[in-house]
Amino acid sequence: MKSPSELPVEVTRNILVSIQSLLWLDTNAQGAFWSTEKEWHCEMLDEIASLLEDHGLRPDDPDELDAMWNASLGDPRRGAAADREDNGAIKPDFVQRGK
């Protein structure tokens, strides 16, 4: 598995544009338009996972994922996060949809 930081900036940009389009680009008889009200479906997760896998970002080994995480973000057992109960992890409820 590659670390996202290993990808060229242009590739990373293309991945993000693809995910953004998948989530918020909608179409009707007049053509394509951006919609923050676009309904999401579970198949979108498969499409996002496929896109990431196509670029070598699918973890093959849980230990490899831990090593990549620690290398790219720093070991949460050290530094400012060491005294925090959550070890500095980002909680899913921290990210708010559409903000």
N, C-alpha and C. Protein backbone atom coordinates (compact mmCIF):
# COMPACT_ATOMS: atom_id res chain seq x y z
N MET A 1 0.85 -1.17 0.00
CA MET A 1 0.00 0.00 0.00
C MET A 1 0.89 1.23 0.00
N LYS A 2 0.51 2.18 -0.83
CA LYS A 2 1.21 3.45 -0.86
C LYS A 2 0.67 4.37 0.23
N SER A 3 1.50 5.27 0.66
CA SER A 3 1.04 6.34 1.53
C SER A 3 0.51 7.44 0.61
N PRO A 4 -0.56 8.13 0.98
CA PRO A 4 -1.05 9.21 0.12
C PRO A 4 0.03 10.24 -0.20
N SER A 5 0.97 10.43 0.70
CA SER A 5 2.03 11.41 0.46
C SER A 5 2.99 10.97 -0.65
N GLU A 6 2.95 9.70 -1.03
CA GLU A 6 3.81 9.21 -2.11
C GLU A 6 3.27 9.55 -3.50
N LEU A 7 1.99 9.89 -3.58
CA LEU A 7 1.38 10.17 -4.88
C LEU A 7 1.78 11.57 -5.36
N PRO A 8 1.96 11.72 -6.66
CA PRO A 8 2.19 13.06 -7.19
C PRO A 8 0.98 13.96 -6.91
N VAL A 9 1.22 15.23 -6.75
CA VAL A 9 0.16 16.19 -6.42
C VAL A 9 -0.97 16.11 -7.45
N GLU A 10 -0.65 15.99 -8.70
CA GLU A 10 -1.68 15.95 -9.75
C GLU A 10 -2.58 14.72 -9.60
N VAL A 11 -2.00 13.59 -9.24
CA VAL A 11 -2.78 12.37 -9.04
C VAL A 11 -3.70 12.54 -7.83
N THR A 12 -3.15 13.09 -6.75
CA THR A 12 -3.96 13.33 -5.56
C THR A 12 -5.11 14.27 -5.87
N ARG A 13 -4.83 15.32 -6.63
CA ARG A 13 -5.87 16.27 -7.03
C ARG A 13 -6.96 15.57 -7.85
N ASN A 14 -6.56 14.71 -8.77
CA ASN A 14 -7.53 13.99 -9.60
C ASN A 14 -8.41 13.06 -8.77
N ILE A 15 -7.82 12.40 -7.79
CA ILE A 15 -8.59 11.53 -6.90
C ILE A 15 -9.62 12.35 -6.15
N LEU A 16 -9.21 13.48 -5.60
CA LEU A 16 -10.14 14.32 -4.84
C LEU A 16 -11.25 14.88 -5.72
N VAL A 17 -10.92 15.29 -6.93
CA VAL A 17 -11.95 15.79 -7.85
C VAL A 17 -12.95 14.68 -8.18
N SER A 18 -12.45 13.48 -8.37
CA SER A 18 -13.34 12.35 -8.66
C SER A 18 -14.28 12.07 -7.49
N ILE A 19 -13.75 12.09 -6.27
CA ILE A 19 -14.59 11.85 -5.09
C ILE A 19 -15.59 12.99 -4.91
N GLN A 20 -15.13 14.22 -5.08
CA GLN A 20 -16.01 15.38 -4.97
C GLN A 20 -17.15 15.29 -6.00
N SER A 21 -16.82 14.93 -7.21
CA SER A 21 -17.83 14.80 -8.26
C SER A 21 -18.81 13.68 -7.94
N LEU A 22 -18.29 12.58 -7.47
CA LEU A 22 -19.16 11.46 -7.10
C LEU A 22 -20.17 11.87 -6.03
N LEU A 23 -19.71 12.63 -5.06
CA LEU A 23 -20.57 13.01 -3.94
C LEU A 23 -21.55 14.15 -4.26
N TRP A 24 -21.13 15.12 -5.07
CA TRP A 24 -21.96 16.32 -5.22
C TRP A 24 -22.29 16.74 -6.64
N LEU A 25 -21.77 16.07 -7.66
CA LEU A 25 -22.11 16.43 -9.03
C LEU A 25 -23.32 15.61 -9.46
N ASP A 26 -24.37 16.31 -9.82
CA ASP A 26 -25.63 15.65 -10.19
C ASP A 26 -25.95 16.01 -11.64
N THR A 27 -26.88 15.31 -12.22
CA THR A 27 -27.29 15.60 -13.60
C THR A 27 -28.80 15.59 -13.71
N ASN A 28 -29.27 16.33 -14.69
CA ASN A 28 -30.69 16.29 -15.06
C ASN A 28 -30.77 16.53 -16.56
N ALA A 29 -31.95 16.81 -17.08
CA ALA A 29 -32.13 16.99 -18.52
C ALA A 29 -31.31 18.15 -19.08
N GLN A 30 -31.04 19.15 -18.24
CA GLN A 30 -30.26 20.30 -18.69
C GLN A 30 -28.75 20.07 -18.62
N GLY A 31 -28.30 19.02 -17.94
CA GLY A 31 -26.87 18.73 -17.85
C GLY A 31 -26.42 18.51 -16.42
N ALA A 32 -25.12 18.70 -16.20
CA ALA A 32 -24.52 18.47 -14.88
C ALA A 32 -24.53 19.75 -14.06
N PHE A 33 -24.68 19.58 -12.74
CA PHE A 33 -24.66 20.73 -11.83
C PHE A 33 -24.24 20.25 -10.45
N TRP A 34 -23.66 21.14 -9.66
CA TRP A 34 -23.25 20.82 -8.29
C TRP A 34 -24.46 20.92 -7.38
N SER A 35 -24.62 19.93 -6.53
CA SER A 35 -25.76 19.90 -5.62
C SER A 35 -25.34 19.38 -4.25
N THR A 36 -25.48 20.23 -3.25
CA THR A 36 -25.20 19.79 -1.89
C THR A 36 -26.33 18.91 -1.35
N GLU A 37 -27.41 18.82 -2.10
CA GLU A 37 -28.56 18.00 -1.72
C GLU A 37 -28.57 16.64 -2.42
N LYS A 38 -27.54 16.34 -3.19
CA LYS A 38 -27.49 15.06 -3.91
C LYS A 38 -27.57 13.91 -2.90
N GLU A 39 -28.41 12.95 -3.21
CA GLU A 39 -28.54 11.79 -2.33
C GLU A 39 -27.37 10.84 -2.56
N TRP A 40 -26.87 10.32 -1.46
CA TRP A 40 -25.76 9.36 -1.52
C TRP A 40 -26.32 7.96 -1.35
N HIS A 41 -25.66 7.01 -1.95
CA HIS A 41 -26.06 5.61 -1.82
C HIS A 41 -24.83 4.77 -1.47
N CYS A 42 -25.07 3.60 -0.93
CA CYS A 42 -23.98 2.77 -0.42
C CYS A 42 -23.00 2.34 -1.52
N GLU A 43 -23.45 2.28 -2.76
CA GLU A 43 -22.56 1.91 -3.85
C GLU A 43 -21.44 2.94 -4.04
N MET A 44 -21.66 4.16 -3.56
CA MET A 44 -20.63 5.19 -3.67
C MET A 44 -19.38 4.79 -2.88
N LEU A 45 -19.57 4.10 -1.77
CA LEU A 45 -18.42 3.62 -1.00
C LEU A 45 -17.59 2.65 -1.82
N ASP A 46 -18.27 1.78 -2.56
CA ASP A 46 -17.55 0.84 -3.43
C ASP A 46 -16.76 1.60 -4.50
N GLU A 47 -17.38 2.64 -5.06
CA GLU A 47 -16.72 3.42 -6.10
C GLU A 47 -15.50 4.16 -5.54
N ILE A 48 -15.64 4.73 -4.35
CA ILE A 48 -14.51 5.42 -3.71
C ILE A 48 -13.41 4.43 -3.38
N ALA A 49 -13.78 3.28 -2.81
CA ALA A 49 -12.79 2.25 -2.48
C ALA A 49 -12.06 1.78 -3.73
N SER A 50 -12.79 1.60 -4.83
CA SER A 50 -12.18 1.19 -6.10
C SER A 50 -11.19 2.22 -6.60
N LEU A 51 -11.58 3.47 -6.52
CA LEU A 51 -10.71 4.56 -6.96
C LEU A 51 -9.41 4.57 -6.16
N LEU A 52 -9.53 4.45 -4.84
CA LEU A 52 -8.34 4.44 -3.99
C LEU A 52 -7.49 3.19 -4.26
N GLU A 53 -8.15 2.06 -4.44
CA GLU A 53 -7.42 0.82 -4.74
C GLU A 53 -6.67 0.93 -6.07
N ASP A 54 -7.30 1.55 -7.06
CA ASP A 54 -6.65 1.73 -8.37
C ASP A 54 -5.35 2.51 -8.26
N HIS A 55 -5.21 3.31 -7.23
CA HIS A 55 -4.00 4.12 -7.04
C HIS A 55 -3.09 3.55 -5.96
N GLY A 56 -3.33 2.29 -5.59
CA GLY A 56 -2.46 1.61 -4.64
C GLY A 56 -2.65 2.02 -3.20
N LEU A 57 -3.81 2.59 -2.87
CA LEU A 57 -4.04 3.10 -1.52
C LEU A 57 -4.84 2.14 -0.64
N ARG A 58 -5.11 0.95 -1.13
CA ARG A 58 -5.84 -0.05 -0.34
C ARG A 58 -4.85 -0.76 0.57
N PRO A 59 -5.13 -0.76 1.88
CA PRO A 59 -4.22 -1.48 2.79
C PRO A 59 -4.36 -2.99 2.61
N ASP A 60 -3.23 -3.66 2.50
CA ASP A 60 -3.24 -5.11 2.35
C ASP A 60 -3.02 -5.81 3.69
N ASP A 61 -2.38 -5.09 4.60
CA ASP A 61 -1.98 -5.68 5.87
C ASP A 61 -2.23 -4.66 6.97
N PRO A 62 -2.98 -5.02 8.01
CA PRO A 62 -3.27 -4.06 9.09
C PRO A 62 -2.01 -3.48 9.72
N ASP A 63 -0.93 -4.27 9.84
CA ASP A 63 0.32 -3.76 10.40
C ASP A 63 0.93 -2.70 9.50
N GLU A 64 0.80 -2.90 8.18
CA GLU A 64 1.30 -1.93 7.22
C GLU A 64 0.54 -0.61 7.37
N LEU A 65 -0.77 -0.70 7.58
CA LEU A 65 -1.58 0.50 7.76
C LEU A 65 -1.14 1.26 9.01
N ASP A 66 -0.91 0.55 10.12
CA ASP A 66 -0.44 1.20 11.35
C ASP A 66 0.90 1.88 11.12
N ALA A 67 1.80 1.22 10.44
CA ALA A 67 3.12 1.79 10.18
C ALA A 67 3.00 3.04 9.30
N MET A 68 2.15 2.98 8.27
CA MET A 68 1.96 4.14 7.39
C MET A 68 1.36 5.30 8.17
N TRP A 69 0.37 5.02 8.99
CA TRP A 69 -0.28 6.05 9.80
C TRP A 69 0.74 6.73 10.70
N ASN A 70 1.53 5.94 11.40
CA ASN A 70 2.52 6.49 12.32
C ASN A 70 3.60 7.28 11.58
N ALA A 71 3.98 6.82 10.39
CA ALA A 71 5.02 7.51 9.63
C ALA A 71 4.51 8.83 9.07
N SER A 72 3.25 8.87 8.65
CA SER A 72 2.75 10.09 8.02
C SER A 72 2.22 11.11 9.03
N LEU A 73 1.70 10.65 10.15
CA LEU A 73 1.09 11.57 11.12
C LEU A 73 1.86 11.65 12.43
N GLY A 74 2.84 10.81 12.58
CA GLY A 74 3.57 10.76 13.84
C GLY A 74 2.93 9.75 14.76
N ASP A 75 3.73 9.13 15.56
CA ASP A 75 3.24 8.12 16.50
C ASP A 75 2.43 8.82 17.57
N PRO A 76 1.13 8.51 17.70
CA PRO A 76 0.30 9.21 18.68
C PRO A 76 0.73 8.94 20.12
N ARG A 77 1.60 7.97 20.33
CA ARG A 77 2.07 7.70 21.70
C ARG A 77 3.14 8.68 22.13
N ARG A 78 3.58 9.52 21.19
CA ARG A 78 4.59 10.52 21.51
C ARG A 78 3.99 11.91 21.33
N GLY A 79 4.65 12.90 21.86
CA GLY A 79 4.30 14.29 21.60
C GLY A 79 3.02 14.74 22.28
N ALA A 80 2.37 15.74 21.67
CA ALA A 80 1.22 16.40 22.27
C ALA A 80 0.06 15.45 22.53
N ALA A 81 -0.09 14.43 21.71
CA ALA A 81 -1.22 13.51 21.87
C ALA A 81 -0.98 12.47 22.96
N ALA A 82 0.24 12.40 23.48
CA ALA A 82 0.58 11.32 24.43
C ALA A 82 -0.28 11.35 25.68
N ASP A 83 -0.65 12.52 26.16
CA ASP A 83 -1.43 12.61 27.38
C ASP A 83 -2.93 12.54 27.15
N ARG A 84 -3.37 12.55 25.92
CA ARG A 84 -4.80 12.50 25.62
C ARG A 84 -5.30 11.08 25.69
N GLU A 85 -6.50 10.93 26.21
CA GLU A 85 -7.11 9.61 26.33
C GLU A 85 -7.32 8.94 24.98
N ASP A 86 -7.62 9.76 23.93
CA ASP A 86 -7.90 9.20 22.61
C ASP A 86 -6.66 9.08 21.72
N ASN A 87 -5.48 9.37 22.28
CA ASN A 87 -4.21 9.31 21.54
C ASN A 87 -4.19 10.21 20.31
N GLY A 88 -5.01 11.24 20.28
CA GLY A 88 -5.01 12.19 19.17
C GLY A 88 -5.77 11.72 17.95
N ALA A 89 -6.51 10.62 18.05
CA ALA A 89 -7.24 10.10 16.90
C ALA A 89 -8.39 11.03 16.54
N ILE A 90 -8.66 11.13 15.25
CA ILE A 90 -9.79 11.92 14.77
C ILE A 90 -11.03 11.04 14.87
N LYS A 91 -12.01 11.52 15.55
CA LYS A 91 -13.25 10.77 15.72
C LYS A 91 -14.17 11.05 14.53
N PRO A 92 -14.94 10.05 14.08
CA PRO A 92 -15.85 10.27 12.95
C PRO A 92 -16.80 11.42 13.17
N ASP A 93 -17.26 11.64 14.43
CA ASP A 93 -18.21 12.73 14.66
C ASP A 93 -17.54 14.10 14.65
N PHE A 94 -16.20 14.12 14.55
CA PHE A 94 -15.48 15.39 14.47
C PHE A 94 -15.66 16.01 13.09
N VAL A 95 -15.75 15.19 12.07
CA VAL A 95 -15.91 15.68 10.70
C VAL A 95 -17.40 15.86 10.44
N GLN A 96 -17.77 17.07 10.07
CA GLN A 96 -19.18 17.35 9.81
C GLN A 96 -19.40 17.43 8.31
N ARG A 97 -20.42 16.73 7.85
CA ARG A 97 -20.74 16.70 6.42
C ARG A 97 -21.08 18.10 5.95
N GLY A 98 -20.45 18.50 4.85
CA GLY A 98 -20.77 19.77 4.22
C GLY A 98 -20.14 20.98 4.88
N LYS A 99 -19.26 20.79 5.85
CA LYS A 99 -18.61 21.94 6.52
C LYS A 99 -17.13 21.91 6.26
